[in-house]
Amino acid sequence: MRDFAWGIAATGGIAQTVGAAIAAEPGMRVAAVGSRDLGRARALAATLGAESAYGSYEHLCADPAVDAVYVATPHAQHLPVAAAAIANGKAVLCEKPLAASVADAETMVRLAREAGVFLMEAMWMRFNPLIRLIASDERFGEIRSVQASFGFAHPYDAAHRLWAPELGGGALLDLGIYPFGLAQLLLGMPESLRVTGSLAPSGVDAEAAGLLTYAGGRHAVVATSLLAHYPNSAHVVGTGMRAEIPAAFWAPQRIVLSAPGMEPEEHVLDPADNGYAGEVREVRAAVAEGRTESAIMPLDESLAMMVLLADARQQLS
């Protein structure tokens, strides 16, 4: 069987990182790189061993050698690039968040479902084996509480993608999606959400803290910020066991499970099984099996997260 061939849309840091993970994965290769800057596309293609480079995303998505497209552009460009890939029958792995708005995300999902083409949000946290262990270990009993934070101080620059509203900026979409996403994975969607925080001069959210409440008093406390350095760790408490997830909790290298009367139990990640490897393997497996959605990162849950984050942003405005 020939290698599963990827097209990489964009050339920034995350495109380089995931591209390298693809190139290192047995049975996979990067076939092409696309960018609005042909020189940057050629440079990354050379680094990843790709035979083709394109100065437009449309040409990348039309390449017959490409089986799947990894969309690593700024959030606001996710929809047009993914739409071009879907129109060409390419499976799509789209960097989180799925889109810059609920409407864009809904359009993307509709296009994929109508075309019968695989689409998945690249929420690599869900593919980390240690996170998956926490989500599946029955010793936790009923999860009662999730606490998680992701924040760092980033100098304000209205033109930078983190601060620019037209580029989908703000702490919630870029960072907050991880603590909110951990709560979603372990507790589901909340019955209520209360958010406090502040806005940047550009109008995007600079920081946010949220209380998510669930039936029976279960809850999650999450925080995100572009103004201050947070612990970036997480704690999960169940009726039978609890987990400490050190920084960076969305990509843990180790976790510690404990309970009264139980010796602390440390689990360490095999570097070959990081979340990037897991998500690209899922795309390849889905295409081979004829699946158009992932059970690990379902599209309906990606859409629900977009709605939840939009609600959080609305409460800050």
C-alpha atoms as a PDB file:
ATOM      1  CA  MET A   1       0.000   0.000   0.000  1.00  0.00           C
ATOM      2  CA  ARG A   2       1.218   3.484  -0.786  1.00  0.00           C
ATOM      3  CA  ASP A   3       1.789   6.003   1.974  1.00  0.00           C
ATOM      4  CA  PHE A   4      -1.148   8.144   3.095  1.00  0.00           C
ATOM      5  CA  ALA A   5      -0.406  11.541   1.544  1.00  0.00           C
ATOM      6  CA  TRP A   6      -1.047  14.867   3.255  1.00  0.00           C
ATOM      7  CA  GLY A   7      -1.295  18.437   2.069  1.00  0.00           C
ATOM      8  CA  ILE A   8      -0.349  21.091   4.621  1.00  0.00           C
ATOM      9  CA  ALA A   9      -2.272  24.365   4.327  1.00  0.00           C
ATOM     10  CA  ALA A  10      -0.138  27.161   5.860  1.00  0.00           C
ATOM     11  CA  THR A  11       3.457  27.339   7.028  1.00  0.00           C
ATOM     12  CA  GLY A  12       3.344  28.691  10.594  1.00  0.00           C
ATOM     13  CA  GLY A  13       4.579  27.044  13.752  1.00  0.00           C
ATOM     14  CA  ILE A  14       1.750  24.557  14.165  1.00  0.00           C
ATOM     15  CA  ALA A  15       1.931  23.604  10.460  1.00  0.00           C
ATOM     16  CA  GLN A  16       5.627  22.877  10.899  1.00  0.00           C
ATOM     17  CA  THR A  17       5.044  20.841  14.070  1.00  0.00           C
ATOM     18  CA  VAL A  18       2.177  18.719  12.758  1.00  0.00           C
ATOM     19  CA  GLY A  19       3.882  18.402   9.372  1.00  0.00           C
ATOM     20  CA  ALA A  20       6.949  16.975  11.085  1.00  0.00           C
ATOM     21  CA  ALA A  21       4.763  14.552  13.048  1.00  0.00           C
ATOM     22  CA  ILE A  22       3.167  13.369   9.790  1.00  0.00           C
ATOM     23  CA  ALA A  23       6.543  12.963   8.078  1.00  0.00           C
ATOM     24  CA  ALA A  24       7.792  10.864  11.009  1.00  0.00           C
ATOM     25  CA  GLU A  25       4.721   8.610  11.101  1.00  0.00           C
ATOM     26  CA  PRO A  26       5.160   5.204   9.405  1.00  0.00           C
ATOM     27  CA  GLY A  27       2.957   4.888   6.329  1.00  0.00           C
ATOM     28  CA  MET A  28       2.444   8.630   5.946  1.00  0.00           C
ATOM     29  CA  ARG A  29       4.123  11.430   4.043  1.00  0.00           C
ATOM     30  CA  VAL A  30       3.663  15.112   3.317  1.00  0.00           C
ATOM     31  CA  ALA A  31       3.010  15.348  -0.416  1.00  0.00           C
ATOM     32  CA  ALA A  32       2.429  19.093  -0.738  1.00  0.00           C
ATOM     33  CA  VAL A  33       2.479  22.394   1.108  1.00  0.00           C
ATOM     34  CA  GLY A  34       0.328  25.393   0.265  1.00  0.00           C
ATOM     35  CA  SER A  35       0.628  29.032   1.298  1.00  0.00           C
ATOM     36  CA  ARG A  36      -0.245  32.440  -0.049  1.00  0.00           C
ATOM     37  CA  ASP A  37       3.546  32.952  -0.023  1.00  0.00           C
ATOM     38  CA  LEU A  38       5.055  30.473  -2.497  1.00  0.00           C
ATOM     39  CA  GLY A  39       8.545  30.965  -1.083  1.00  0.00           C
ATOM     40  CA  ARG A  40       7.400  29.897   2.383  1.00  0.00           C
ATOM     41  CA  ALA A  41       5.545  26.925   0.899  1.00  0.00           C
ATOM     42  CA  ARG A  42       8.667  25.804  -0.931  1.00  0.00           C
ATOM     43  CA  ALA A  43      10.804  26.172   2.189  1.00  0.00           C
ATOM     44  CA  LEU A  44       8.481  24.054   4.340  1.00  0.00           C
ATOM     45  CA  ALA A  45       8.030  21.513   1.524  1.00  0.00           C
ATOM     46  CA  ALA A  46      11.800  21.084   1.372  1.00  0.00           C
ATOM     47  CA  THR A  47      11.990  20.637   5.138  1.00  0.00           C
ATOM     48  CA  LEU A  48       9.238  18.004   5.172  1.00  0.00           C
ATOM     49  CA  GLY A  49      10.327  16.196   2.022  1.00  0.00           C
ATOM     50  CA  ALA A  50       7.211  17.161   0.066  1.00  0.00           C
ATOM     51  CA  GLU A  51       7.471  17.067  -3.707  1.00  0.00           C
ATOM     52  CA  SER A  52       5.029  19.920  -4.390  1.00  0.00           C
ATOM     53  CA  ALA A  53       4.566  23.483  -3.186  1.00  0.00           C
ATOM     54  CA  TYR A  54       1.769  25.866  -4.115  1.00  0.00           C
ATOM     55  CA  GLY A  55       1.202  29.590  -3.827  1.00  0.00           C
ATOM     56  CA  SER A  56      -2.516  29.129  -3.167  1.00  0.00           C
ATOM     57  CA  TYR A  57      -4.636  26.888  -0.978  1.00  0.00           C
ATOM     58  CA  GLU A  58      -6.963  26.143  -3.907  1.00  0.00           C
ATOM     59  CA  HIS A  59      -4.124  24.571  -5.907  1.00  0.00           C
ATOM     60  CA  LEU A  60      -3.020  22.564  -2.878  1.00  0.00           C
ATOM     61  CA  CYS A  61      -6.536  21.185  -2.376  1.00  0.00           C
ATOM     62  CA  ALA A  62      -6.793  20.236  -6.052  1.00  0.00           C
ATOM     63  CA  ASP A  63      -3.563  18.205  -6.052  1.00  0.00           C
ATOM     64  CA  PRO A  64      -4.540  14.625  -7.036  1.00  0.00           C
ATOM     65  CA  ALA A  65      -1.639  13.215  -5.000  1.00  0.00           C
ATOM     66  CA  VAL A  66      -3.137  14.508  -1.728  1.00  0.00           C
ATOM     67  CA  ASP A  67      -5.424  12.253   0.349  1.00  0.00           C
ATOM     68  CA  ALA A  68      -6.053  14.650   3.236  1.00  0.00           C
ATOM     69  CA  VAL A  69      -5.503  18.323   3.990  1.00  0.00           C
ATOM     70  CA  TYR A  70      -4.362  19.645   7.350  1.00  0.00           C
ATOM     71  CA  VAL A  71      -5.715  23.186   7.731  1.00  0.00           C
ATOM     72  CA  ALA A  72      -3.356  25.259   9.888  1.00  0.00           C
ATOM     73  CA  THR A  73      -4.302  28.762   8.759  1.00  0.00           C
ATOM     74  CA  PRO A  74      -5.584  31.475  11.129  1.00  0.00           C
ATOM     75  CA  HIS A  75      -9.102  30.717  12.355  1.00  0.00           C
ATOM     76  CA  ALA A  76     -10.867  33.099   9.985  1.00  0.00           C
ATOM     77  CA  GLN A  77      -9.465  31.196   6.978  1.00  0.00           C
ATOM     78  CA  HIS A  78     -10.511  27.733   8.147  1.00  0.00           C
ATOM     79  CA  LEU A  79     -13.828  27.738   6.307  1.00  0.00           C
ATOM     80  CA  PRO A  80     -12.629  28.716   2.815  1.00  0.00           C
ATOM     81  CA  VAL A  81      -9.653  26.349   2.915  1.00  0.00           C
ATOM     82  CA  ALA A  82     -11.671  23.447   4.310  1.00  0.00           C
ATOM     83  CA  ALA A  83     -14.427  24.128   1.773  1.00  0.00           C
ATOM     84  CA  ALA A  84     -11.908  23.921  -1.068  1.00  0.00           C
ATOM     85  CA  ALA A  85     -10.550  20.633   0.278  1.00  0.00           C
ATOM     86  CA  ILE A  86     -14.042  19.178   0.716  1.00  0.00           C
ATOM     87  CA  ALA A  87     -15.017  20.244  -2.801  1.00  0.00           C
ATOM     88  CA  ASN A  88     -12.030  18.246  -4.062  1.00  0.00           C
ATOM     89  CA  GLY A  89     -12.976  15.193  -2.007  1.00  0.00           C
ATOM     90  CA  LYS A  90     -10.055  15.501   0.408  1.00  0.00           C
ATOM     91  CA  ALA A  91     -10.377  14.439   4.024  1.00  0.00           C
ATOM     92  CA  VAL A  92      -9.874  17.447   6.311  1.00  0.00           C
ATOM     93  CA  LEU A  93      -8.116  17.763   9.643  1.00  0.00           C
ATOM     94  CA  CYS A  94      -8.811  21.360  10.712  1.00  0.00           C
ATOM     95  CA  GLU A  95      -6.866  23.025  13.484  1.00  0.00           C
ATOM     96  CA  LYS A  96      -8.856  24.072  16.542  1.00  0.00           C
ATOM     97  CA  PRO A  97     -11.109  25.935  16.894  1.00  0.00           C
ATOM     98  CA  LEU A  98     -13.040  24.477  13.992  1.00  0.00           C
ATOM     99  CA  ALA A  99     -13.811  27.994  12.732  1.00  0.00           C
ATOM    100  CA  ALA A 100     -13.844  31.620  13.795  1.00  0.00           C
ATOM    101  CA  SER A 101     -17.608  31.662  14.343  1.00  0.00           C
ATOM    102  CA  VAL A 102     -20.537  29.355  14.965  1.00  0.00           C
ATOM    103  CA  ALA A 103     -21.931  30.135  11.508  1.00  0.00           C
ATOM    104  CA  ASP A 104     -18.659  29.244   9.780  1.00  0.00           C
ATOM    105  CA  ALA A 105     -18.379  26.008  11.748  1.00  0.00           C
ATOM    106  CA  GLU A 106     -21.945  25.043  10.879  1.00  0.00           C
ATOM    107  CA  THR A 107     -21.272  25.714   7.196  1.00  0.00           C
ATOM    108  CA  MET A 108     -18.105  23.627   7.266  1.00  0.00           C
ATOM    109  CA  VAL A 109     -19.878  20.674   8.870  1.00  0.00           C
ATOM    110  CA  ARG A 110     -22.807  20.950   6.465  1.00  0.00           C
ATOM    111  CA  LEU A 111     -20.501  20.934   3.442  1.00  0.00           C
ATOM    112  CA  ALA A 112     -18.614  17.884   4.705  1.00  0.00           C
ATOM    113  CA  ARG A 113     -21.753  15.946   5.518  1.00  0.00           C
ATOM    114  CA  GLU A 114     -23.419  16.772   2.213  1.00  0.00           C
ATOM    115  CA  ALA A 115     -20.303  15.701   0.316  1.00  0.00           C
ATOM    116  CA  GLY A 116     -19.714  12.614   2.444  1.00  0.00           C
ATOM    117  CA  VAL A 117     -16.151  13.768   3.150  1.00  0.00           C
ATOM    118  CA  PHE A 118     -14.282  13.212   6.415  1.00  0.00           C
ATOM    119  CA  LEU A 119     -13.868  16.311   8.608  1.00  0.00           C
ATOM    120  CA  MET A 120     -12.430  16.534  12.113  1.00  0.00           C
ATOM    121  CA  GLU A 121     -11.282  19.291  14.427  1.00  0.00           C
ATOM    122  CA  ALA A 122      -7.633  18.867  15.390  1.00  0.00           C
ATOM    123  CA  MET A 123      -8.209  18.879  19.144  1.00  0.00           C
ATOM    124  CA  TRP A 124      -5.005  16.988  19.919  1.00  0.00           C
ATOM    125  CA  MET A 125      -5.765  16.910  23.648  1.00  0.00           C
ATOM    126  CA  ARG A 126      -8.448  14.283  22.985  1.00  0.00           C
ATOM    127  CA  PHE A 127      -5.875  12.026  21.337  1.00  0.00           C
ATOM    128  CA  ASN A 128      -3.343  12.152  24.160  1.00  0.00           C
ATOM    129  CA  PRO A 129      -3.312   8.638  25.701  1.00  0.00           C
ATOM    130  CA  LEU A 130      -3.125  10.024  29.252  1.00  0.00           C
ATOM    131  CA  ILE A 131      -6.210  12.196  28.727  1.00  0.00           C
ATOM    132  CA  ARG A 132      -7.968   9.226  27.167  1.00  0.00           C
ATOM    133  CA  LEU A 133      -7.019   7.127  30.204  1.00  0.00           C
ATOM    134  CA  ILE A 134      -8.709   9.617  32.516  1.00  0.00           C
ATOM    135  CA  ALA A 135     -11.809   9.689  30.336  1.00  0.00           C
ATOM    136  CA  SER A 136     -12.122   5.890  30.298  1.00  0.00           C
ATOM    137  CA  ASP A 137     -10.883   4.674  33.705  1.00  0.00           C
ATOM    138  CA  GLU A 138     -13.918   3.414  35.614  1.00  0.00           C
ATOM    139  CA  ARG A 139     -12.103   3.816  38.946  1.00  0.00           C
ATOM    140  CA  PHE A 140     -12.948   7.522  38.848  1.00  0.00           C
ATOM    141  CA  GLY A 141     -16.585   6.675  39.429  1.00  0.00           C
ATOM    142  CA  GLU A 142     -18.697   9.755  38.742  1.00  0.00           C
ATOM    143  CA  ILE A 143     -16.654  12.815  37.783  1.00  0.00           C
ATOM    144  CA  ARG A 144     -17.744  15.581  40.141  1.00  0.00           C
ATOM    145  CA  SER A 145     -15.292  18.390  39.455  1.00  0.00           C
ATOM    146  CA  VAL A 146     -12.879  19.580  36.766  1.00  0.00           C
ATOM    147  CA  GLN A 147     -10.515  22.510  37.262  1.00  0.00           C
ATOM    148  CA  ALA A 148      -8.214  23.703  34.494  1.00  0.00           C
ATOM    149  CA  SER A 149      -6.420  26.841  33.345  1.00  0.00           C
ATOM    150  CA  PHE A 150      -4.441  27.987  30.327  1.00  0.00           C
ATOM    151  CA  GLY A 151      -2.971  31.452  30.310  1.00  0.00           C
ATOM    152  CA  PHE A 152       0.168  33.359  29.467  1.00  0.00           C
ATOM    153  CA  ALA A 153       1.107  37.011  29.114  1.00  0.00           C
ATOM    154  CA  HIS A 154       1.297  38.087  25.477  1.00  0.00           C
ATOM    155  CA  PRO A 155       2.249  41.700  24.607  1.00  0.00           C
ATOM    156  CA  TYR A 156      -0.682  43.591  23.167  1.00  0.00           C
ATOM    157  CA  ASP A 157      -0.436  44.215  19.431  1.00  0.00           C
ATOM    158  CA  ALA A 158      -3.698  44.992  17.655  1.00  0.00           C
ATOM    159  CA  ALA A 159      -2.335  43.483  14.415  1.00  0.00           C
ATOM    160  CA  HIS A 160      -1.297  40.165  15.974  1.00  0.00           C
ATOM    161  CA  ARG A 161      -3.659  37.252  15.324  1.00  0.00           C
ATOM    162  CA  LEU A 162      -4.244  36.734  19.069  1.00  0.00           C
ATOM    163  CA  TRP A 163      -5.545  40.292  19.442  1.00  0.00           C
ATOM    164  CA  ALA A 164      -7.170  40.954  16.051  1.00  0.00           C
ATOM    165  CA  PRO A 165     -10.933  40.301  15.865  1.00  0.00           C
ATOM    166  CA  GLU A 166     -10.843  39.810  12.082  1.00  0.00           C
ATOM    167  CA  LEU A 167      -8.378  36.931  12.597  1.00  0.00           C
ATOM    168  CA  GLY A 168     -10.474  35.239  15.274  1.00  0.00           C
ATOM    169  CA  GLY A 169      -8.358  36.556  18.132  1.00  0.00           C
ATOM    170  CA  GLY A 170      -8.959  36.343  21.847  1.00  0.00           C
ATOM    171  CA  ALA A 171      -7.998  34.069  24.711  1.00  0.00           C
ATOM    172  CA  LEU A 172     -11.096  31.871  24.527  1.00  0.00           C
ATOM    173  CA  LEU A 173     -10.747  30.579  20.978  1.00  0.00           C
ATOM    174  CA  ASP A 174      -6.999  30.016  21.138  1.00  0.00           C
ATOM    175  CA  LEU A 175      -6.402  28.952  24.746  1.00  0.00           C
ATOM    176  CA  GLY A 176      -9.724  28.666  26.533  1.00  0.00           C
ATOM    177  CA  ILE A 177     -10.912  25.939  24.202  1.00  0.00           C
ATOM    178  CA  TYR A 178      -8.589  23.551  26.093  1.00  0.00           C
ATOM    179  CA  PRO A 179      -9.927  23.975  29.658  1.00  0.00           C
ATOM    180  CA  PHE A 180     -13.476  24.243  28.313  1.00  0.00           C
ATOM    181  CA  GLY A 181     -12.735  21.212  26.141  1.00  0.00           C
ATOM    182  CA  LEU A 182     -11.513  19.131  29.085  1.00  0.00           C
ATOM    183  CA  ALA A 183     -14.741  19.913  30.921  1.00  0.00           C
ATOM    184  CA  GLN A 184     -16.749  18.982  27.826  1.00  0.00           C
ATOM    185  CA  LEU A 185     -14.903  15.675  27.446  1.00  0.00           C
ATOM    186  CA  LEU A 186     -15.357  14.599  31.062  1.00  0.00           C
ATOM    187  CA  LEU A 187     -18.670  16.196  32.032  1.00  0.00           C
ATOM    188  CA  GLY A 188     -20.452  16.957  28.754  1.00  0.00           C
ATOM    189  CA  MET A 189     -22.214  20.215  27.985  1.00  0.00           C
ATOM    190  CA  PRO A 190     -23.195  22.294  31.024  1.00  0.00           C
ATOM    191  CA  GLU A 191     -26.669  23.244  32.135  1.00  0.00           C
ATOM    192  CA  SER A 192     -25.428  26.745  32.834  1.00  0.00           C
ATOM    193  CA  LEU A 193     -22.368  28.899  32.225  1.00  0.00           C
ATOM    194  CA  ARG A 194     -21.293  32.012  34.090  1.00  0.00           C
ATOM    195  CA  VAL A 195     -18.272  33.926  32.817  1.00  0.00           C
ATOM    196  CA  THR A 196     -16.314  36.933  34.004  1.00  0.00           C
ATOM    197  CA  GLY A 197     -13.253  38.559  32.470  1.00  0.00           C
ATOM    198  CA  SER A 198     -12.093  41.526  30.436  1.00  0.00           C
ATOM    199  CA  LEU A 199     -11.756  42.718  26.858  1.00  0.00           C
ATOM    200  CA  ALA A 200      -8.698  44.024  25.020  1.00  0.00           C
ATOM    201  CA  PRO A 201      -8.750  47.464  23.344  1.00  0.00           C
ATOM    202  CA  SER A 202      -9.372  45.676  20.026  1.00  0.00           C
ATOM    203  CA  GLY A 203     -12.555  44.187  21.456  1.00  0.00           C
ATOM    204  CA  VAL A 204     -11.448  40.551  21.732  1.00  0.00           C
ATOM    205  CA  ASP A 205     -11.505  38.738  25.069  1.00  0.00           C
ATOM    206  CA  ALA A 206      -8.245  39.206  26.969  1.00  0.00           C
ATOM    207  CA  GLU A 207      -9.124  36.887  29.842  1.00  0.00           C
ATOM    208  CA  ALA A 208     -12.051  34.817  31.028  1.00  0.00           C
ATOM    209  CA  ALA A 209     -12.968  32.651  33.985  1.00  0.00           C
ATOM    210  CA  GLY A 210     -15.967  30.388  33.830  1.00  0.00           C
ATOM    211  CA  LEU A 211     -18.132  28.316  36.136  1.00  0.00           C
ATOM    212  CA  LEU A 212     -19.864  25.485  34.297  1.00  0.00           C
ATOM    213  CA  THR A 213     -22.603  23.712  36.242  1.00  0.00           C
ATOM    214  CA  TYR A 214     -24.149  20.315  35.623  1.00  0.00           C
ATOM    215  CA  ALA A 215     -26.961  18.208  37.039  1.00  0.00           C
ATOM    216  CA  GLY A 216     -26.556  17.127  40.637  1.00  0.00           C
ATOM    217  CA  GLY A 217     -24.019  19.799  41.549  1.00  0.00           C
ATOM    218  CA  ARG A 218     -21.215  18.619  39.307  1.00  0.00           C
ATOM    219  CA  HIS A 219     -19.135  21.527  38.078  1.00  0.00           C
ATOM    220  CA  ALA A 220     -16.070  22.792  36.244  1.00  0.00           C
ATOM    221  CA  VAL A 221     -14.002  25.885  36.988  1.00  0.00           C
ATOM    222  CA  VAL A 222     -11.936  27.048  34.036  1.00  0.00           C
ATOM    223  CA  ALA A 223      -9.764  30.070  33.297  1.00  0.00           C
ATOM    224  CA  THR A 224      -7.852  31.486  30.360  1.00  0.00           C
ATOM    225  CA  SER A 225      -5.813  34.613  29.815  1.00  0.00           C
ATOM    226  CA  LEU A 226      -3.531  36.517  27.472  1.00  0.00           C
ATOM    227  CA  LEU A 227      -2.603  38.872  30.312  1.00  0.00           C
ATOM    228  CA  ALA A 228      -1.012  36.629  32.941  1.00  0.00           C
ATOM    229  CA  HIS A 229       0.823  33.346  33.415  1.00  0.00           C
ATOM    230  CA  TYR A 230      -1.496  30.687  34.827  1.00  0.00           C
ATOM    231  CA  PRO A 231      -0.607  27.281  36.326  1.00  0.00           C
ATOM    232  CA  ASN A 232      -1.766  25.594  33.086  1.00  0.00           C
ATOM    233  CA  SER A 233      -2.506  22.442  35.054  1.00  0.00           C
ATOM    234  CA  ALA A 234      -5.729  20.569  35.719  1.00  0.00           C
ATOM    235  CA  HIS A 235      -7.391  18.531  38.440  1.00  0.00           C
ATOM    236  CA  VAL A 236     -10.123  15.971  37.944  1.00  0.00           C
ATOM    237  CA  VAL A 237     -12.082  14.679  40.941  1.00  0.00           C
ATOM    238  CA  GLY A 238     -14.348  11.657  40.850  1.00  0.00           C
ATOM    239  CA  THR A 239     -16.241   9.823  43.542  1.00  0.00           C
ATOM    240  CA  GLY A 240     -13.642   7.053  43.449  1.00  0.00           C
ATOM    241  CA  MET A 241     -10.381   8.625  42.351  1.00  0.00           C
ATOM    242  CA  ARG A 242      -8.781  11.908  41.324  1.00  0.00           C
ATOM    243  CA  ALA A 243      -6.153  12.955  38.788  1.00  0.00           C
ATOM    244  CA  GLU A 244      -3.493  15.631  38.837  1.00  0.00           C
ATOM    245  CA  ILE A 245      -2.482  16.740  35.348  1.00  0.00           C
ATOM    246  CA  PRO A 246       0.634  18.944  35.430  1.00  0.00           C
ATOM    247  CA  ALA A 247       1.318  21.672  32.885  1.00  0.00           C
ATOM    248  CA  ALA A 248       0.737  21.545  30.058  1.00  0.00           C
ATOM    249  CA  PHE A 249      -2.477  19.709  30.902  1.00  0.00           C
ATOM    250  CA  TRP A 250      -3.698  19.668  27.274  1.00  0.00           C
ATOM    251  CA  ALA A 251      -0.592  17.695  26.260  1.00  0.00           C
ATOM    252  CA  PRO A 252       0.494  15.923  29.445  1.00  0.00           C
ATOM    253  CA  GLN A 253       3.681  13.909  29.635  1.00  0.00           C
ATOM    254  CA  ARG A 254       2.634  12.397  32.956  1.00  0.00           C
ATOM    255  CA  ILE A 255      -0.366  12.228  35.264  1.00  0.00           C
ATOM    256  CA  VAL A 256      -0.810  11.074  38.852  1.00  0.00           C
ATOM    257  CA  LEU A 257      -3.907   9.171  39.975  1.00  0.00           C
ATOM    258  CA  SER A 258      -4.708   8.892  43.676  1.00  0.00           C
ATOM    259  CA  ALA A 259      -7.408   8.117  46.209  1.00  0.00           C
ATOM    260  CA  PRO A 260      -7.602   7.551  49.989  1.00  0.00           C
ATOM    261  CA  GLY A 261      -5.883   4.281  50.807  1.00  0.00           C
ATOM    262  CA  MET A 262      -4.326   4.073  47.336  1.00  0.00           C
ATOM    263  CA  GLU A 263      -0.656   4.458  46.530  1.00  0.00           C
ATOM    264  CA  PRO A 264      -0.279   7.329  44.020  1.00  0.00           C
ATOM    265  CA  GLU A 265      -0.162   5.903  40.526  1.00  0.00           C
ATOM    266  CA  GLU A 266       1.984   7.668  37.937  1.00  0.00           C
ATOM    267  CA  HIS A 267       1.429   7.203  34.218  1.00  0.00           C
ATOM    268  CA  VAL A 268       4.001   8.481  31.701  1.00  0.00           C
ATOM    269  CA  LEU A 269       3.407   9.161  28.018  1.00  0.00           C
ATOM    270  CA  ASP A 270       5.218   7.226  25.339  1.00  0.00           C
ATOM    271  CA  PRO A 271       6.580  10.064  23.123  1.00  0.00           C
ATOM    272  CA  ALA A 272       5.564   8.138  19.996  1.00  0.00           C
ATOM    273  CA  ASP A 273       1.918   8.348  21.069  1.00  0.00           C
ATOM    274  CA  ASN A 274       1.522  12.107  21.496  1.00  0.00           C
ATOM    275  CA  GLY A 275      -1.727  13.738  20.465  1.00  0.00           C
ATOM    276  CA  TYR A 276      -0.466  14.830  17.044  1.00  0.00           C
ATOM    277  CA  ALA A 277       0.278  11.233  16.112  1.00  0.00           C
ATOM    278  CA  GLY A 278      -3.094  10.117  17.410  1.00  0.00           C
ATOM    279  CA  GLU A 279      -5.105  12.599  15.412  1.00  0.00           C
ATOM    280  CA  VAL A 280      -3.364  11.964  12.087  1.00  0.00           C
ATOM    281  CA  ARG A 281      -3.697   8.220  12.636  1.00  0.00           C
ATOM    282  CA  GLU A 282      -7.414   8.717  13.205  1.00  0.00           C
ATOM    283  CA  VAL A 283      -7.783  10.510   9.863  1.00  0.00           C
ATOM    284  CA  ARG A 284      -5.979   7.739   8.006  1.00  0.00           C
ATOM    285  CA  ALA A 285      -8.037   5.035   9.738  1.00  0.00           C
ATOM    286  CA  ALA A 286     -11.306   6.849   9.028  1.00  0.00           C
ATOM    287  CA  VAL A 287     -10.520   7.226   5.338  1.00  0.00           C
ATOM    288  CA  ALA A 288      -9.543   3.554   5.090  1.00  0.00           C
ATOM    289  CA  GLU A 289     -12.766   2.507   6.808  1.00  0.00           C
ATOM    290  CA  GLY A 290     -15.003   4.889   4.871  1.00  0.00           C
ATOM    291  CA  ARG A 291     -15.968   6.921   7.955  1.00  0.00           C
ATOM    292  CA  THR A 292     -16.787  10.595   7.527  1.00  0.00           C
ATOM    293  CA  GLU A 293     -16.640  11.551  11.215  1.00  0.00           C
ATOM    294  CA  SER A 294     -14.570  10.625  14.259  1.00  0.00           C
ATOM    295  CA  ALA A 295     -16.023   9.045  17.382  1.00  0.00           C
ATOM    296  CA  ILE A 296     -13.110  10.495  19.372  1.00  0.00           C
ATOM    297  CA  MET A 297     -13.732  14.096  18.245  1.00  0.00           C
ATOM    298  CA  PRO A 298     -17.319  14.141  16.891  1.00  0.00           C
ATOM    299  CA  LEU A 299     -18.422  17.078  14.766  1.00  0.00           C
ATOM    300  CA  ASP A 300     -21.481  17.685  16.932  1.00  0.00           C
ATOM    301  CA  GLU A 301     -19.191  18.179  19.922  1.00  0.00           C
ATOM    302  CA  SER A 302     -17.026  20.592  17.933  1.00  0.00           C
ATOM    303  CA  LEU A 303     -20.163  22.572  17.063  1.00  0.00           C
ATOM    304  CA  ALA A 304     -21.354  22.502  20.680  1.00  0.00           C
ATOM    305  CA  MET A 305     -17.985  23.893  21.800  1.00  0.00           C
ATOM    306  CA  MET A 306     -18.246  26.733  19.284  1.00  0.00           C
ATOM    307  CA  VAL A 307     -21.659  27.645  20.721  1.00  0.00           C
ATOM    308  CA  LEU A 308     -20.335  27.450  24.294  1.00  0.00           C
ATOM    309  CA  LEU A 309     -17.358  29.702  23.535  1.00  0.00           C
ATOM    310  CA  ALA A 310     -19.621  32.156  21.698  1.00  0.00           C
ATOM    311  CA  ASP A 311     -21.827  32.297  24.818  1.00  0.00           C
ATOM    312  CA  ALA A 312     -18.743  32.939  26.956  1.00  0.00           C
ATOM    313  CA  ARG A 313     -17.589  35.770  24.676  1.00  0.00           C
ATOM    314  CA  GLN A 314     -21.073  37.263  24.641  1.00  0.00           C
ATOM    315  CA  GLN A 315     -21.111  37.422  28.442  1.00  0.00           C
ATOM    316  CA  LEU A 316     -17.933  39.523  28.359  1.00  0.00           C
ATOM    317  CA  SER A 317     -19.204  42.080  25.833  1.00  0.00           C
END
